[in-house]
C-alpha atoms as a PDB file:
ATOM      1  CA  LYS A   1     -85.174 136.529  32.142  1.00  0.00           C
ATOM      2  CA  PRO A   2     -84.859 133.781  29.292  1.00  0.00           C
ATOM      3  CA  GLY A   3     -81.115 134.432  29.086  1.00  0.00           C
ATOM      4  CA  ASP A   4     -80.434 133.162  32.506  1.00  0.00           C
ATOM      5  CA  ASN A   5     -81.325 129.516  32.000  1.00  0.00           C
ATOM      6  CA  LEU A   6     -80.002 128.481  28.695  1.00  0.00           C
ATOM      7  CA  GLY A   7     -79.901 124.729  27.889  1.00  0.00           C
ATOM      8  CA  GLY A   8     -77.383 122.771  26.100  1.00  0.00           C
ATOM      9  CA  LEU A   9     -73.704 122.557  26.319  1.00  0.00           C
ATOM     10  CA  LEU A  10     -70.944 125.005  24.920  1.00  0.00           C
ATOM     11  CA  LYS A  11     -67.823 122.666  25.391  1.00  0.00           C
ATOM     12  CA  ILE A  12     -66.751 119.468  26.513  1.00  0.00           C
ATOM     13  CA  TRP A  13     -63.452 118.059  27.769  1.00  0.00           C
ATOM     14  CA  ALA A  14     -62.416 114.404  28.306  1.00  0.00           C
ATOM     15  CA  VAL A  15     -59.944 114.146  31.534  1.00  0.00           C
ATOM     16  CA  PRO A  16     -58.274 110.775  32.069  1.00  0.00           C
ATOM     17  CA  SER A  17     -59.672 109.528  35.415  1.00  0.00           C
ATOM     18  CA  ASP A  18     -56.198 109.089  37.063  1.00  0.00           C
ATOM     19  CA  VAL A  19     -55.017 112.824  36.624  1.00  0.00           C
ATOM     20  CA  ILE A  20     -57.861 114.724  38.286  1.00  0.00           C
ATOM     21  CA  SER A  21     -59.216 115.461  41.614  1.00  0.00           C
ATOM     22  CA  VAL A  22     -61.927 117.523  42.360  1.00  0.00           C
ATOM     23  CA  SER A  23     -62.283 119.591  45.791  1.00  0.00           C
ATOM     24  CA  ASN A  24     -64.070 122.524  47.327  1.00  0.00           C
ATOM     25  CA  GLY A  25     -65.536 123.429  44.068  1.00  0.00           C
ATOM     26  CA  ALA A  26     -62.219 123.252  41.985  1.00  0.00           C
ATOM     27  CA  ALA A  27     -60.790 120.765  39.587  1.00  0.00           C
ATOM     28  CA  SER A  28     -57.061 119.959  39.632  1.00  0.00           C
ATOM     29  CA  ILE A  29     -55.591 118.229  36.495  1.00  0.00           C
ATOM     30  CA  SER A  30     -51.949 116.933  37.190  1.00  0.00           C
ATOM     31  CA  ASN A  31     -51.073 116.241  33.684  1.00  0.00           C
ATOM     32  CA  SER A  32     -52.737 117.695  30.875  1.00  0.00           C
ATOM     33  CA  THR A  33     -51.209 115.625  28.097  1.00  0.00           C
ATOM     34  CA  ASN A  34     -54.174 113.511  27.332  1.00  0.00           C
ATOM     35  CA  VAL A  35     -56.886 115.788  28.224  1.00  0.00           C
ATOM     36  CA  TYR A  36     -59.300 116.171  24.955  1.00  0.00           C
ATOM     37  CA  ALA A  37     -60.943 119.438  24.182  1.00  0.00           C
ATOM     38  CA  LEU A  38     -63.892 118.116  22.070  1.00  0.00           C
ATOM     39  CA  TYR A  39     -64.975 120.041  19.156  1.00  0.00           C
ATOM     40  CA  CYS A  40     -68.501 119.239  18.771  1.00  0.00           C
ATOM     41  CA  SER A  41     -71.196 120.891  16.506  1.00  0.00           C
ATOM     42  CA  PRO A  42     -73.043 123.608  18.181  1.00  0.00           C
ATOM     43  CA  GLU A  43     -76.384 122.655  19.666  1.00  0.00           C
ATOM     44  CA  SER A  44     -75.316 119.047  19.393  1.00  0.00           C
ATOM     45  CA  MET A  45     -74.090 118.643  22.932  1.00  0.00           C
ATOM     46  CA  GLU A  46     -76.256 117.422  25.899  1.00  0.00           C
ATOM     47  CA  PHE A  47     -76.030 116.209  29.496  1.00  0.00           C
ATOM     48  CA  SER A  48     -78.304 113.978  31.508  1.00  0.00           C
ATOM     49  CA  GLU A  49     -78.386 112.544  34.915  1.00  0.00           C
ATOM     50  CA  GLN A  50     -80.983 110.376  36.295  1.00  0.00           C
ATOM     51  CA  LYS A  51     -81.033 109.033  39.868  1.00  0.00           C
ATOM     52  CA  GLU A  52     -81.416 105.473  40.564  1.00  0.00           C
ATOM     53  CA  ARG A  53     -81.924 103.239  43.705  1.00  0.00           C
ATOM     54  CA  THR A  54     -80.084  99.833  43.715  1.00  0.00           C
ATOM     55  CA  ASP A  55     -79.218  97.435  46.408  1.00  0.00           C
ATOM     56  CA  ALA A  56     -75.949  99.002  46.899  1.00  0.00           C
ATOM     57  CA  GLY A  57     -77.328 102.652  47.384  1.00  0.00           C
ATOM     58  CA  ILE A  58     -78.017 105.500  44.824  1.00  0.00           C
ATOM     59  CA  VAL A  59     -76.229 105.864  41.762  1.00  0.00           C
ATOM     60  CA  TYR A  60     -76.596 108.482  38.858  1.00  0.00           C
ATOM     61  CA  ASN A  61     -77.054 107.137  35.442  1.00  0.00           C
ATOM     62  CA  THR A  62     -74.992 109.939  33.490  1.00  0.00           C
ATOM     63  CA  ALA A  63     -74.783 110.628  29.780  1.00  0.00           C
ATOM     64  CA  ILE A  64     -72.857 113.500  28.059  1.00  0.00           C
ATOM     65  CA  ALA A  65     -72.685 113.689  24.169  1.00  0.00           C
ATOM     66  CA  GLY A  66     -72.037 115.659  21.172  1.00  0.00           C
ATOM     67  CA  PHE A  67     -71.637 115.366  17.530  1.00  0.00           C
ATOM     68  CA  ILE A  68     -68.094 115.518  15.953  1.00  0.00           C
ATOM     69  CA  PRO A  69     -68.593 116.297  12.180  1.00  0.00           C
ATOM     70  CA  GLY A  70     -66.489 114.218   9.639  1.00  0.00           C
ATOM     71  CA  ASN A  71     -64.473 111.092   9.870  1.00  0.00           C
ATOM     72  CA  ALA A  72     -60.901 112.249   9.804  1.00  0.00           C
ATOM     73  CA  ALA A  73     -57.891 110.095  10.569  1.00  0.00           C
ATOM     74  CA  ASP A  74     -57.306 112.048  13.712  1.00  0.00           C
ATOM     75  CA  LEU A  75     -60.744 111.320  15.000  1.00  0.00           C
ATOM     76  CA  GLN A  76     -60.382 107.586  14.129  1.00  0.00           C
ATOM     77  CA  GLU A  77     -57.012 107.578  16.112  1.00  0.00           C
ATOM     78  CA  ALA A  78     -58.559 109.422  18.937  1.00  0.00           C
ATOM     79  CA  LEU A  79     -61.556 107.385  19.202  1.00  0.00           C
ATOM     80  CA  GLU A  80     -58.888 104.236  19.506  1.00  0.00           C
ATOM     81  CA  TYR A  81     -57.307 105.979  22.518  1.00  0.00           C
ATOM     82  CA  ILE A  82     -60.553 107.333  24.018  1.00  0.00           C
ATOM     83  CA  GLU A  83     -63.032 104.340  23.938  1.00  0.00           C
ATOM     84  CA  PRO A  84     -61.161 101.600  25.980  1.00  0.00           C
ATOM     85  CA  ARG A  85     -60.128 104.287  28.742  1.00  0.00           C
ATOM     86  CA  LYS A  86     -61.828 105.712  32.070  1.00  0.00           C
ATOM     87  CA  TRP A  87     -62.711 109.333  31.866  1.00  0.00           C
ATOM     88  CA  VAL A  88     -63.954 112.417  33.987  1.00  0.00           C
ATOM     89  CA  VAL A  89     -65.657 114.855  32.052  1.00  0.00           C
ATOM     90  CA  ILE A  90     -65.653 118.804  32.183  1.00  0.00           C
ATOM     91  CA  PHE A  91     -68.254 120.433  30.317  1.00  0.00           C
ATOM     92  CA  ARG A  92     -69.418 124.235  30.045  1.00  0.00           C
ATOM     93  CA  ASP A  93     -73.168 124.576  30.042  1.00  0.00           C
ATOM     94  CA  GLY A  94     -75.277 127.044  28.157  1.00  0.00           C
ATOM     95  CA  ASN A  95     -75.054 129.761  30.965  1.00  0.00           C
ATOM     96  CA  GLY A  96     -71.234 129.592  30.750  1.00  0.00           C
ATOM     97  CA  GLY A  97     -70.794 127.461  34.129  1.00  0.00           C
ATOM     98  CA  PHE A  98     -68.229 124.539  34.549  1.00  0.00           C
ATOM     99  CA  LEU A  99     -69.432 121.297  35.717  1.00  0.00           C
ATOM    100  CA  VAL A 100     -67.585 117.850  36.182  1.00  0.00           C
ATOM    101  CA  SER A 101     -69.026 114.328  35.998  1.00  0.00           C
ATOM    102  CA  GLY A 102     -67.112 111.053  36.899  1.00  0.00           C
ATOM    103  CA  GLU A 103     -64.396 110.494  39.462  1.00  0.00           C
ATOM    104  CA  THR A 104     -61.764 108.126  39.795  1.00  0.00           C
ATOM    105  CA  ALA A 105     -64.013 105.625  41.920  1.00  0.00           C
ATOM    106  CA  SER A 106     -66.672 105.982  39.008  1.00  0.00           C
ATOM    107  CA  PRO A 107     -65.493 107.073  35.888  1.00  0.00           C
ATOM    108  CA  LEU A 108     -67.286 107.440  32.520  1.00  0.00           C
ATOM    109  CA  ARG A 109     -66.555 105.522  29.368  1.00  0.00           C
ATOM    110  CA  ALA A 110     -66.873 106.668  25.817  1.00  0.00           C
ATOM    111  CA  THR A 111     -68.602 105.207  22.746  1.00  0.00           C
ATOM    112  CA  GLY A 112     -68.522 106.707  19.145  1.00  0.00           C
ATOM    113  CA  GLU A 113     -70.926 105.853  16.530  1.00  0.00           C
ATOM    114  CA  ILE A 114     -69.745 107.105  13.179  1.00  0.00           C
ATOM    115  CA  ALA A 115     -72.535 107.295  10.524  1.00  0.00           C
ATOM    116  CA  THR A 116     -73.312 109.130   7.279  1.00  0.00           C
ATOM    117  CA  GLY A 117     -77.064 109.138   7.191  1.00  0.00           C
ATOM    118  CA  LYS A 118     -79.049 108.110   4.046  1.00  0.00           C
ATOM    119  CA  ALA A 119     -79.234 111.289   2.266  1.00  0.00           C
ATOM    120  CA  THR A 120     -76.484 113.738   1.189  1.00  0.00           C
ATOM    121  CA  SER A 121     -78.447 116.330   3.223  1.00  0.00           C
ATOM    122  CA  GLU A 122     -77.863 114.335   6.489  1.00  0.00           C
ATOM    123  CA  ARG A 123     -74.961 114.839   8.833  1.00  0.00           C
ATOM    124  CA  TYR A 124     -71.837 112.935   8.536  1.00  0.00           C
ATOM    125  CA  GLY A 125     -69.581 112.119  11.486  1.00  0.00           C
ATOM    126  CA  CYS A 126     -69.136 110.930  14.991  1.00  0.00           C
ATOM    127  CA  GLN A 127     -71.842 110.755  17.945  1.00  0.00           C
ATOM    128  CA  LEU A 128     -69.449 110.455  20.999  1.00  0.00           C
ATOM    129  CA  THR A 129     -71.060 109.607  24.328  1.00  0.00           C
ATOM    130  CA  PHE A 130     -69.738 109.369  27.523  1.00  0.00           C
ATOM    131  CA  THR A 131     -71.876 107.291  30.087  1.00  0.00           C
ATOM    132  CA  GLY A 132     -71.461 105.586  33.438  1.00  0.00           C
ATOM    133  CA  LYS A 133     -73.124 104.979  36.800  1.00  0.00           C
ATOM    134  CA  THR A 134     -71.424 107.826  38.982  1.00  0.00           C
ATOM    135  CA  LEU A 135     -71.650 107.954  42.698  1.00  0.00           C
ATOM    136  CA  ALA A 136     -72.465 111.534  43.022  1.00  0.00           C
ATOM    137  CA  ARG A 137     -74.161 114.292  40.697  1.00  0.00           C
ATOM    138  CA  ALA A 138     -72.130 116.435  38.377  1.00  0.00           C
ATOM    139  CA  LYS A 139     -70.616 119.015  40.611  1.00  0.00           C
ATOM    140  CA  THR A 140     -70.122 122.916  39.818  1.00  0.00           C
ATOM    141  CA  ILE A 141     -66.564 123.885  39.531  1.00  0.00           C
ATOM    142  CA  SER A 142     -64.483 127.035  38.822  1.00  0.00           C
ATOM    143  CA  ASP A 143     -62.847 127.358  35.695  1.00  0.00           C
ATOM    144  CA  PRO A 144     -60.189 124.598  35.580  1.00  0.00           C
ATOM    145  CA  PHE A 145     -58.066 125.956  32.738  1.00  0.00           C
END
């Protein structure tokens, strides 16, 4: 059935890499103070993961992205905090499952690109992307919240 394999993401959470551990299909967050539940426009969120063979072994080129509308002061403040730090990202896929990408040993980094577009009909806001070379594929986990 088409509804059994939906694409896209429903929600993204950024978790500081030093406060999360994943074991046996469960994520444990020791301190939720700086966990960001990111509001992204529906159907703007995506996840990709490509395997790469290197001299050191296999890594996965990971990207998790979404569009945050607007450019309010709180978004700018959040970007100033998020961009220089290391993250593990939890996301909920289009089928309602939870996955986690990144680890303390191979965290993700964030980049925000704020743009207005050329025409008034184009979107205005921030394309936030978490990227990195991870040592393992994203793992399916139970609801961590």
